[in-house]
Amino acid sequence: MAITLDATVGGANANSYCTVADADDYHSTLTQDLSDVWANADKAKMLMWATRLVDQHWKFIGQRVSSDQALEFPRKNVYRDGVYFAGDYPVEYLSSSTIPAFLKNAVAEMARILSEENVTAVSDKVGVEKIKVGSIELDMTGSVDITEGVFRPAVYDMLAKYGQYLPSLKDERGIQVVKLVRG
């Protein structure tokens, strides 16, 4: 059964922050080679995947508008200027009845990136180089390359001032986490 893209703001079944038309508009502002990649993508599928990754990896400021909404946005009490609010002018908040442009753009960009590369795939370089417990030592060959996560700088920069990024391999305090399981 095919799942249909649902970008209903605050919807109980919403699975994307932007429509294909929103993403097409965003990609029309990019260079030709990037917009060509998007033209050949499975757009709805990539937008749903990108939305799911954003919700899994970002702890946004503010609060969800409704307990019934499927996604983290819309939110209330989100400063227009994000967490870096400063100044003596009146506080302005993002609308709690729409999805903000920065989020639609970030999801559109992430969707294009996902259409080029599965950035969620686990690298064969991820791991521990050496473990020693008493007289037992395990030395793995190859380099250790634990990444910061799945988001590229362009997407990270769009979202950074509106929340905290929680990479898969770090906890909410930003501390590297490596879980060892005894078999």
N, C-alpha and C. Protein backbone atom coordinates (compact mmCIF):
# COMPACT_ATOMS: atom_id res chain seq x y z
N MET A 1 0.83 -1.18 0.00
CA MET A 1 0.00 0.00 0.00
C MET A 1 0.88 1.25 0.00
N ALA A 2 0.64 2.12 -0.93
CA ALA A 2 1.41 3.36 -1.03
C ALA A 2 0.90 4.37 -0.02
N ILE A 3 1.83 5.06 0.59
CA ILE A 3 1.48 6.12 1.54
C ILE A 3 1.49 7.44 0.78
N THR A 4 0.47 8.23 1.00
CA THR A 4 0.32 9.51 0.33
C THR A 4 0.90 10.61 1.20
N LEU A 5 1.60 11.53 0.56
CA LEU A 5 2.16 12.67 1.28
C LEU A 5 1.02 13.50 1.86
N ASP A 6 1.14 13.84 3.14
CA ASP A 6 0.14 14.65 3.84
C ASP A 6 0.86 15.79 4.54
N ALA A 7 0.71 16.99 4.01
CA ALA A 7 1.37 18.17 4.59
C ALA A 7 0.36 19.07 5.30
N THR A 8 -0.69 18.48 5.84
CA THR A 8 -1.70 19.24 6.57
C THR A 8 -1.08 19.82 7.84
N VAL A 9 -1.13 21.13 7.99
CA VAL A 9 -0.54 21.80 9.15
C VAL A 9 -1.25 21.34 10.42
N GLY A 10 -0.51 20.73 11.32
CA GLY A 10 -1.07 20.25 12.58
C GLY A 10 -1.92 19.01 12.44
N GLY A 11 -1.87 18.37 11.28
CA GLY A 11 -2.71 17.21 11.03
C GLY A 11 -2.30 15.98 11.84
N ALA A 12 -3.29 15.19 12.21
CA ALA A 12 -3.04 13.97 12.97
C ALA A 12 -2.35 12.91 12.13
N ASN A 13 -2.42 13.03 10.80
CA ASN A 13 -1.78 12.06 9.90
C ASN A 13 -0.71 12.71 9.03
N ALA A 14 -0.32 13.92 9.34
CA ALA A 14 0.68 14.62 8.55
C ALA A 14 2.00 13.85 8.56
N ASN A 15 2.66 13.81 7.40
CA ASN A 15 3.95 13.11 7.31
C ASN A 15 4.99 13.93 6.55
N SER A 16 4.69 15.18 6.27
CA SER A 16 5.66 16.06 5.62
C SER A 16 5.40 17.50 6.03
N TYR A 17 6.49 18.26 6.13
CA TYR A 17 6.35 19.68 6.44
C TYR A 17 6.10 20.52 5.20
N CYS A 18 6.34 19.95 4.04
CA CYS A 18 6.06 20.73 2.83
C CYS A 18 5.51 19.84 1.73
N THR A 19 4.81 20.48 0.84
CA THR A 19 4.24 19.80 -0.31
C THR A 19 5.30 19.67 -1.40
N VAL A 20 5.01 18.87 -2.39
CA VAL A 20 5.91 18.76 -3.54
C VAL A 20 6.02 20.13 -4.22
N ALA A 21 4.93 20.87 -4.30
CA ALA A 21 4.96 22.21 -4.91
C ALA A 21 5.88 23.15 -4.12
N ASP A 22 5.82 23.10 -2.78
CA ASP A 22 6.72 23.91 -1.95
C ASP A 22 8.18 23.56 -2.26
N ALA A 23 8.47 22.27 -2.32
CA ALA A 23 9.84 21.82 -2.57
C ALA A 23 10.28 22.20 -3.98
N ASP A 24 9.39 22.08 -4.96
CA ASP A 24 9.72 22.49 -6.33
C ASP A 24 10.06 23.97 -6.38
N ASP A 25 9.30 24.80 -5.65
CA ASP A 25 9.59 26.23 -5.60
C ASP A 25 10.97 26.48 -5.01
N TYR A 26 11.28 25.80 -3.91
CA TYR A 26 12.59 25.95 -3.28
C TYR A 26 13.70 25.55 -4.26
N HIS A 27 13.54 24.40 -4.91
CA HIS A 27 14.59 23.91 -5.81
C HIS A 27 14.74 24.74 -7.07
N SER A 28 13.71 25.48 -7.44
CA SER A 28 13.82 26.34 -8.62
C SER A 28 14.78 27.50 -8.37
N THR A 29 15.14 27.75 -7.10
CA THR A 29 16.07 28.83 -6.77
C THR A 29 17.52 28.36 -6.73
N LEU A 30 17.75 27.06 -6.93
CA LEU A 30 19.09 26.49 -6.86
C LEU A 30 19.73 26.43 -8.24
N THR A 31 21.01 26.08 -8.27
CA THR A 31 21.70 25.93 -9.54
C THR A 31 21.08 24.79 -10.35
N GLN A 32 21.29 24.80 -11.65
CA GLN A 32 20.65 23.84 -12.55
C GLN A 32 20.97 22.40 -12.19
N ASP A 33 22.23 22.11 -11.85
CA ASP A 33 22.58 20.71 -11.56
C ASP A 33 21.86 20.19 -10.31
N LEU A 34 21.66 21.04 -9.30
CA LEU A 34 20.93 20.61 -8.10
C LEU A 34 19.45 20.46 -8.38
N SER A 35 18.88 21.37 -9.16
CA SER A 35 17.45 21.25 -9.47
C SER A 35 17.18 20.08 -10.40
N ASP A 36 18.17 19.71 -11.23
CA ASP A 36 18.01 18.52 -12.08
C ASP A 36 17.93 17.25 -11.24
N VAL A 37 18.73 17.16 -10.19
CA VAL A 37 18.68 16.00 -9.29
C VAL A 37 17.28 15.90 -8.69
N TRP A 38 16.74 17.03 -8.26
CA TRP A 38 15.41 17.03 -7.66
C TRP A 38 14.34 16.64 -8.68
N ALA A 39 14.48 17.07 -9.92
CA ALA A 39 13.48 16.78 -10.95
C ALA A 39 13.31 15.27 -11.15
N ASN A 40 14.37 14.51 -10.92
CA ASN A 40 14.33 13.06 -11.14
C ASN A 40 14.11 12.26 -9.86
N ALA A 41 13.83 12.92 -8.77
CA ALA A 41 13.67 12.24 -7.47
C ALA A 41 12.25 11.72 -7.28
N ASP A 42 12.11 10.75 -6.39
CA ASP A 42 10.79 10.32 -5.91
C ASP A 42 10.41 11.33 -4.84
N LYS A 43 9.86 12.45 -5.26
CA LYS A 43 9.72 13.64 -4.42
C LYS A 43 8.92 13.42 -3.15
N ALA A 44 7.74 12.85 -3.25
CA ALA A 44 6.90 12.65 -2.06
C ALA A 44 7.61 11.77 -1.05
N LYS A 45 8.19 10.69 -1.52
CA LYS A 45 8.90 9.76 -0.63
C LYS A 45 10.07 10.45 0.08
N MET A 46 10.83 11.23 -0.66
CA MET A 46 11.99 11.92 -0.08
C MET A 46 11.55 12.98 0.92
N LEU A 47 10.45 13.68 0.65
CA LEU A 47 9.96 14.70 1.59
C LEU A 47 9.47 14.07 2.89
N MET A 48 8.81 12.91 2.79
CA MET A 48 8.36 12.23 4.00
C MET A 48 9.55 11.73 4.81
N TRP A 49 10.56 11.21 4.15
CA TRP A 49 11.77 10.72 4.82
C TRP A 49 12.51 11.87 5.48
N ALA A 50 12.66 12.98 4.76
CA ALA A 50 13.36 14.14 5.31
C ALA A 50 12.63 14.68 6.54
N THR A 51 11.32 14.74 6.48
CA THR A 51 10.53 15.21 7.62
C THR A 51 10.73 14.30 8.83
N ARG A 52 10.70 13.01 8.60
CA ARG A 52 10.89 12.05 9.69
C ARG A 52 12.27 12.23 10.33
N LEU A 53 13.30 12.44 9.51
CA LEU A 53 14.65 12.65 10.05
C LEU A 53 14.74 13.94 10.85
N VAL A 54 14.12 15.00 10.36
CA VAL A 54 14.13 16.27 11.11
C VAL A 54 13.48 16.07 12.47
N ASP A 55 12.32 15.43 12.50
CA ASP A 55 11.64 15.23 13.79
C ASP A 55 12.42 14.31 14.72
N GLN A 56 13.16 13.36 14.18
CA GLN A 56 13.93 12.43 15.02
C GLN A 56 15.19 13.07 15.59
N HIS A 57 15.76 14.02 14.86
CA HIS A 57 17.07 14.55 15.24
C HIS A 57 17.09 15.98 15.76
N TRP A 58 15.94 16.62 15.87
CA TRP A 58 15.91 18.00 16.36
C TRP A 58 14.96 18.12 17.53
N LYS A 59 15.43 18.78 18.56
CA LYS A 59 14.60 19.14 19.71
C LYS A 59 14.36 20.65 19.57
N PHE A 60 13.16 21.00 19.10
CA PHE A 60 12.85 22.38 18.79
C PHE A 60 12.42 23.16 20.02
N ILE A 61 12.65 24.48 19.98
CA ILE A 61 12.17 25.36 21.05
C ILE A 61 10.65 25.49 20.92
N GLY A 62 10.03 25.97 21.96
CA GLY A 62 8.58 26.13 21.97
C GLY A 62 7.88 24.83 22.31
N GLN A 63 6.57 24.83 22.13
CA GLN A 63 5.76 23.65 22.45
C GLN A 63 4.85 23.33 21.27
N ARG A 64 4.53 22.04 21.14
CA ARG A 64 3.59 21.62 20.11
C ARG A 64 2.25 22.31 20.37
N VAL A 65 1.55 22.66 19.32
CA VAL A 65 0.26 23.34 19.43
C VAL A 65 -0.81 22.39 19.94
N SER A 66 -0.77 21.14 19.50
CA SER A 66 -1.80 20.18 19.86
C SER A 66 -1.18 18.82 20.15
N SER A 67 -1.75 18.11 21.09
CA SER A 67 -1.26 16.76 21.38
C SER A 67 -1.66 15.78 20.29
N ASP A 68 -2.58 16.18 19.42
CA ASP A 68 -3.04 15.31 18.34
C ASP A 68 -2.21 15.41 17.07
N GLN A 69 -1.35 16.41 16.97
CA GLN A 69 -0.59 16.59 15.74
C GLN A 69 0.48 15.51 15.62
N ALA A 70 0.71 15.05 14.39
CA ALA A 70 1.65 13.96 14.14
C ALA A 70 3.11 14.44 14.17
N LEU A 71 3.34 15.68 13.78
CA LEU A 71 4.70 16.20 13.65
C LEU A 71 5.00 17.22 14.75
N GLU A 72 6.27 17.59 14.87
CA GLU A 72 6.69 18.54 15.89
C GLU A 72 6.22 19.97 15.63
N PHE A 73 5.99 20.32 14.39
CA PHE A 73 5.42 21.62 14.04
C PHE A 73 4.02 21.41 13.52
N PRO A 74 3.13 22.40 13.75
CA PRO A 74 3.38 23.75 14.24
C PRO A 74 3.67 23.76 15.74
N ARG A 75 4.34 24.84 16.16
CA ARG A 75 4.71 25.04 17.56
C ARG A 75 4.32 26.45 17.98
N LYS A 76 4.12 26.61 19.27
CA LYS A 76 3.84 27.94 19.83
C LYS A 76 5.04 28.36 20.66
N ASN A 77 5.12 29.67 20.90
CA ASN A 77 6.20 30.26 21.70
C ASN A 77 7.58 30.03 21.09
N VAL A 78 7.65 30.13 19.77
CA VAL A 78 8.94 30.05 19.07
C VAL A 78 9.29 31.46 18.62
N TYR A 79 10.37 32.01 19.17
CA TYR A 79 10.80 33.35 18.79
C TYR A 79 11.05 33.41 17.29
N ARG A 80 10.65 34.50 16.69
CA ARG A 80 10.87 34.70 15.25
C ARG A 80 12.36 34.57 14.92
N ASP A 81 13.20 35.02 15.81
CA ASP A 81 14.64 34.95 15.59
C ASP A 81 15.28 33.73 16.26
N GLY A 82 14.49 32.78 16.68
CA GLY A 82 15.01 31.54 17.24
C GLY A 82 15.61 31.71 18.62
N VAL A 83 16.49 30.79 18.98
CA VAL A 83 17.08 30.78 20.31
C VAL A 83 18.07 31.92 20.51
N TYR A 84 18.45 32.59 19.43
CA TYR A 84 19.43 33.66 19.54
C TYR A 84 18.76 35.02 19.63
N PHE A 85 17.55 35.04 20.17
CA PHE A 85 16.83 36.29 20.34
C PHE A 85 17.65 37.23 21.23
N ALA A 86 17.78 38.45 20.77
CA ALA A 86 18.46 39.46 21.57
C ALA A 86 17.97 40.83 21.11
N GLY A 87 17.93 41.74 22.00
CA GLY A 87 17.56 43.09 21.61
C GLY A 87 16.48 43.66 22.50
N ASP A 88 16.25 44.95 22.34
CA ASP A 88 15.27 45.66 23.15
C ASP A 88 13.95 45.87 22.42
N TYR A 89 13.80 45.30 21.26
CA TYR A 89 12.56 45.47 20.52
C TYR A 89 11.53 44.43 20.98
N PRO A 90 10.25 44.66 20.67
CA PRO A 90 9.20 43.73 21.13
C PRO A 90 9.44 42.31 20.61
N VAL A 91 9.14 41.34 21.43
CA VAL A 91 9.31 39.94 21.05
C VAL A 91 8.26 39.57 20.01
N GLU A 92 8.71 38.93 18.95
CA GLU A 92 7.80 38.43 17.93
C GLU A 92 7.93 36.92 17.87
N TYR A 93 6.81 36.26 17.68
CA TYR A 93 6.80 34.80 17.60
C TYR A 93 6.42 34.36 16.19
N LEU A 94 6.89 33.17 15.83
CA LEU A 94 6.46 32.57 14.57
C LEU A 94 4.98 32.22 14.70
N SER A 95 4.29 32.19 13.60
CA SER A 95 2.88 31.80 13.61
C SER A 95 2.76 30.36 14.08
N SER A 96 1.80 30.11 14.94
CA SER A 96 1.58 28.74 15.41
C SER A 96 0.51 28.03 14.58
N SER A 97 0.12 28.65 13.46
CA SER A 97 -0.88 28.03 12.60
C SER A 97 -0.34 27.70 11.21
N THR A 98 0.96 27.89 11.02
CA THR A 98 1.59 27.58 9.73
C THR A 98 2.91 26.85 9.97
N ILE A 99 3.46 26.32 8.90
CA ILE A 99 4.80 25.74 8.95
C ILE A 99 5.74 26.84 8.45
N PRO A 100 6.75 27.22 9.24
CA PRO A 100 7.62 28.31 8.84
C PRO A 100 8.45 27.98 7.60
N ALA A 101 8.77 29.02 6.83
CA ALA A 101 9.53 28.85 5.58
C ALA A 101 10.87 28.17 5.82
N PHE A 102 11.57 28.50 6.92
CA PHE A 102 12.88 27.88 7.17
C PHE A 102 12.76 26.37 7.25
N LEU A 103 11.67 25.86 7.84
CA LEU A 103 11.49 24.43 8.00
C LEU A 103 11.12 23.77 6.68
N LYS A 104 10.26 24.40 5.90
CA LYS A 104 9.93 23.88 4.57
C LYS A 104 11.19 23.80 3.71
N ASN A 105 12.01 24.85 3.75
CA ASN A 105 13.24 24.87 2.95
C ASN A 105 14.22 23.81 3.41
N ALA A 106 14.35 23.64 4.73
CA ALA A 106 15.27 22.62 5.26
C ALA A 106 14.83 21.22 4.84
N VAL A 107 13.54 20.95 4.89
CA VAL A 107 13.03 19.63 4.49
C VAL A 107 13.22 19.43 2.99
N ALA A 108 12.97 20.46 2.19
CA ALA A 108 13.18 20.36 0.75
C ALA A 108 14.64 20.08 0.42
N GLU A 109 15.54 20.79 1.09
CA GLU A 109 16.98 20.57 0.87
C GLU A 109 17.40 19.16 1.30
N MET A 110 16.93 18.75 2.46
CA MET A 110 17.26 17.40 2.95
C MET A 110 16.71 16.34 2.02
N ALA A 111 15.52 16.55 1.49
CA ALA A 111 14.91 15.60 0.56
C ALA A 111 15.76 15.45 -0.70
N ARG A 112 16.28 16.56 -1.22
CA ARG A 112 17.16 16.48 -2.40
C ARG A 112 18.43 15.72 -2.07
N ILE A 113 19.01 15.99 -0.92
CA ILE A 113 20.23 15.29 -0.50
C ILE A 113 19.95 13.79 -0.39
N LEU A 114 18.82 13.43 0.20
CA LEU A 114 18.46 12.02 0.34
C LEU A 114 18.24 11.35 -1.02
N SER A 115 17.79 12.12 -2.00
CA SER A 115 17.57 11.55 -3.32
C SER A 115 18.90 11.24 -4.02
N GLU A 116 19.99 11.85 -3.56
CA GLU A 116 21.32 11.60 -4.12
C GLU A 116 22.08 10.52 -3.35
N GLU A 117 21.85 10.47 -2.03
CA GLU A 117 22.67 9.62 -1.16
C GLU A 117 21.89 9.24 0.10
N ASN A 118 22.01 7.99 0.49
CA ASN A 118 21.40 7.57 1.75
C ASN A 118 22.34 7.96 2.88
N VAL A 119 22.13 9.13 3.42
CA VAL A 119 23.01 9.65 4.46
C VAL A 119 22.76 8.98 5.81
N THR A 120 21.75 8.13 5.89
CA THR A 120 21.47 7.43 7.14
C THR A 120 22.17 6.07 7.21
N ALA A 121 22.77 5.63 6.11
CA ALA A 121 23.44 4.33 6.10
C ALA A 121 24.63 4.36 7.06
N VAL A 122 24.83 3.29 7.76
CA VAL A 122 25.93 3.19 8.71
C VAL A 122 27.21 2.91 7.94
N SER A 123 28.20 3.74 8.17
CA SER A 123 29.49 3.56 7.53
C SER A 123 30.19 2.34 8.10
N ASP A 124 30.94 1.65 7.25
CA ASP A 124 31.69 0.51 7.76
C ASP A 124 32.89 0.97 8.58
N LYS A 125 33.14 2.26 8.63
CA LYS A 125 34.22 2.81 9.44
C LYS A 125 33.79 3.12 10.87
N VAL A 126 32.49 3.16 11.11
CA VAL A 126 31.99 3.50 12.44
C VAL A 126 32.29 2.35 13.39
N GLY A 127 32.84 2.66 14.53
CA GLY A 127 33.12 1.62 15.50
C GLY A 127 34.16 2.05 16.50
N VAL A 128 34.74 1.07 17.12
CA VAL A 128 35.76 1.29 18.14
C VAL A 128 37.07 0.75 17.59
N GLU A 129 38.13 1.52 17.72
CA GLU A 129 39.42 1.08 17.19
C GLU A 129 40.07 0.04 18.08
N LYS A 130 40.02 0.25 19.41
CA LYS A 130 40.69 -0.68 20.30
C LYS A 130 39.94 -0.75 21.62
N ILE A 131 39.74 -1.98 22.12
CA ILE A 131 39.13 -2.21 23.43
C ILE A 131 40.04 -3.15 24.19
N LYS A 132 40.33 -2.81 25.46
CA LYS A 132 41.15 -3.67 26.28
C LYS A 132 40.50 -3.79 27.66
N VAL A 133 40.22 -5.02 28.05
CA VAL A 133 39.67 -5.30 29.35
C VAL A 133 40.56 -6.39 29.97
N GLY A 134 41.31 -5.99 30.98
CA GLY A 134 42.25 -6.94 31.59
C GLY A 134 43.26 -7.40 30.56
N SER A 135 43.37 -8.72 30.38
CA SER A 135 44.33 -9.25 29.42
C SER A 135 43.72 -9.46 28.03
N ILE A 136 42.45 -9.16 27.89
CA ILE A 136 41.78 -9.33 26.60
C ILE A 136 41.81 -8.01 25.86
N GLU A 137 42.28 -8.07 24.62
CA GLU A 137 42.38 -6.86 23.81
C GLU A 137 41.79 -7.13 22.43
N LEU A 138 40.98 -6.20 21.96
CA LEU A 138 40.37 -6.29 20.64
C LEU A 138 40.84 -5.08 19.85
N ASP A 139 41.53 -5.33 18.74
CA ASP A 139 42.04 -4.25 17.90
C ASP A 139 41.40 -4.41 16.52
N MET A 140 40.59 -3.43 16.13
CA MET A 140 39.90 -3.49 14.84
C MET A 140 40.74 -2.78 13.79
N THR A 141 40.76 -3.34 12.60
CA THR A 141 41.49 -2.70 11.51
C THR A 141 40.65 -1.59 10.90
N GLY A 142 41.30 -0.70 10.21
CA GLY A 142 40.60 0.41 9.57
C GLY A 142 40.52 1.62 10.48
N SER A 143 40.08 2.69 9.91
CA SER A 143 40.00 3.92 10.69
C SER A 143 38.65 4.04 11.37
N VAL A 144 38.62 4.89 12.36
CA VAL A 144 37.38 5.17 13.06
C VAL A 144 36.84 6.49 12.51
N ASP A 145 35.60 6.48 12.07
CA ASP A 145 35.01 7.67 11.48
C ASP A 145 33.58 7.80 11.98
N ILE A 146 33.41 8.22 13.22
CA ILE A 146 32.08 8.41 13.76
C ILE A 146 31.61 9.80 13.35
N THR A 147 30.56 9.85 12.56
CA THR A 147 30.11 11.12 11.99
C THR A 147 29.29 11.91 12.98
N GLU A 148 29.05 13.14 12.63
CA GLU A 148 28.22 14.02 13.45
C GLU A 148 26.74 13.75 13.22
N GLY A 149 26.40 12.97 12.23
CA GLY A 149 25.00 12.67 11.97
C GLY A 149 24.67 12.79 10.50
N VAL A 150 23.38 12.82 10.20
CA VAL A 150 22.93 12.75 8.82
C VAL A 150 22.75 14.11 8.15
N PHE A 151 22.78 15.21 8.89
CA PHE A 151 22.46 16.51 8.31
C PHE A 151 23.69 17.21 7.76
N ARG A 152 23.57 17.68 6.54
CA ARG A 152 24.64 18.45 5.90
C ARG A 152 24.58 19.89 6.41
N PRO A 153 25.69 20.62 6.30
CA PRO A 153 25.73 21.99 6.84
C PRO A 153 24.61 22.90 6.35
N ALA A 154 24.20 22.80 5.11
CA ALA A 154 23.15 23.68 4.59
C ALA A 154 21.84 23.47 5.36
N VAL A 155 21.49 22.22 5.65
CA VAL A 155 20.26 21.93 6.38
C VAL A 155 20.44 22.31 7.85
N TYR A 156 21.57 21.95 8.41
CA TYR A 156 21.85 22.28 9.81
C TYR A 156 21.71 23.79 10.04
N ASP A 157 22.29 24.58 9.14
CA ASP A 157 22.26 26.03 9.29
C ASP A 157 20.84 26.59 9.24
N MET A 158 19.97 25.97 8.46
CA MET A 158 18.58 26.44 8.39
C MET A 158 17.82 26.19 9.70
N LEU A 159 18.18 25.12 10.40
CA LEU A 159 17.43 24.71 11.59
C LEU A 159 18.07 25.11 12.91
N ALA A 160 19.36 25.39 12.91
CA ALA A 160 20.14 25.52 14.14
C ALA A 160 19.61 26.53 15.15
N LYS A 161 19.11 27.66 14.71
CA LYS A 161 18.69 28.65 15.70
C LYS A 161 17.29 28.40 16.25
N TYR A 162 16.65 27.33 15.79
CA TYR A 162 15.30 27.01 16.27
C TYR A 162 15.25 25.74 17.12
N GLY A 163 16.40 25.21 17.44
CA GLY A 163 16.40 24.02 18.28
C GLY A 163 17.78 23.43 18.44
N GLN A 164 17.80 22.28 19.05
CA GLN A 164 19.05 21.58 19.35
C GLN A 164 19.11 20.31 18.51
N TYR A 165 20.25 20.12 17.86
CA TYR A 165 20.47 18.94 17.03
C TYR A 165 20.90 17.78 17.92
N LEU A 166 20.27 16.64 17.74
CA LEU A 166 20.59 15.44 18.50
C LEU A 166 21.09 14.35 17.56
N PRO A 167 22.38 14.34 17.25
CA PRO A 167 22.90 13.30 16.37
C PRO A 167 22.69 11.91 16.97
N SER A 168 22.58 10.94 16.14
CA SER A 168 22.34 9.57 16.58
C SER A 168 23.39 9.07 17.56
N LEU A 169 24.62 9.47 17.36
CA LEU A 169 25.72 8.92 18.15
C LEU A 169 26.09 9.78 19.35
N LYS A 170 25.25 10.75 19.67
CA LYS A 170 25.49 11.58 20.84
C LYS A 170 24.21 11.69 21.64
N ASP A 171 24.36 11.89 22.93
CA ASP A 171 23.16 12.09 23.75
C ASP A 171 22.76 13.56 23.72
N GLU A 172 21.71 13.91 24.46
CA GLU A 172 21.19 15.27 24.43
C GLU A 172 22.17 16.31 24.95
N ARG A 173 23.23 15.89 25.64
CA ARG A 173 24.25 16.83 26.13
C ARG A 173 25.40 16.97 25.14
N GLY A 174 25.35 16.23 24.01
CA GLY A 174 26.40 16.29 23.03
C GLY A 174 27.58 15.38 23.33
N ILE A 175 27.40 14.45 24.27
CA ILE A 175 28.48 13.54 24.65
C ILE A 175 28.42 12.30 23.76
N GLN A 176 29.57 11.90 23.24
CA GLN A 176 29.66 10.73 22.38
C GLN A 176 29.19 9.49 23.14
N VAL A 177 28.33 8.71 22.52
CA VAL A 177 27.79 7.52 23.14
C VAL A 177 28.17 6.30 22.31
N VAL A 178 28.81 5.36 22.92
CA VAL A 178 29.11 4.09 22.27
C VAL A 178 28.57 3.02 23.20
N LYS A 179 27.59 2.27 22.73
CA LYS A 179 26.98 1.26 23.57
C LYS A 179 27.64 -0.10 23.30
N LEU A 180 28.08 -0.73 24.34
CA LEU A 180 28.62 -2.09 24.24
C LEU A 180 27.60 -3.03 24.84
N VAL A 181 27.32 -4.10 24.12
CA VAL A 181 26.33 -5.05 24.57
C VAL A 181 27.03 -6.38 24.83
N ARG A 182 26.83 -6.91 26.02
CA ARG A 182 27.41 -8.19 26.36
C ARG A 182 26.51 -9.29 25.78
N GLY A 183 27.12 -10.22 25.05
CA GLY A 183 26.35 -11.27 24.39
C GLY A 183 26.26 -12.53 25.19
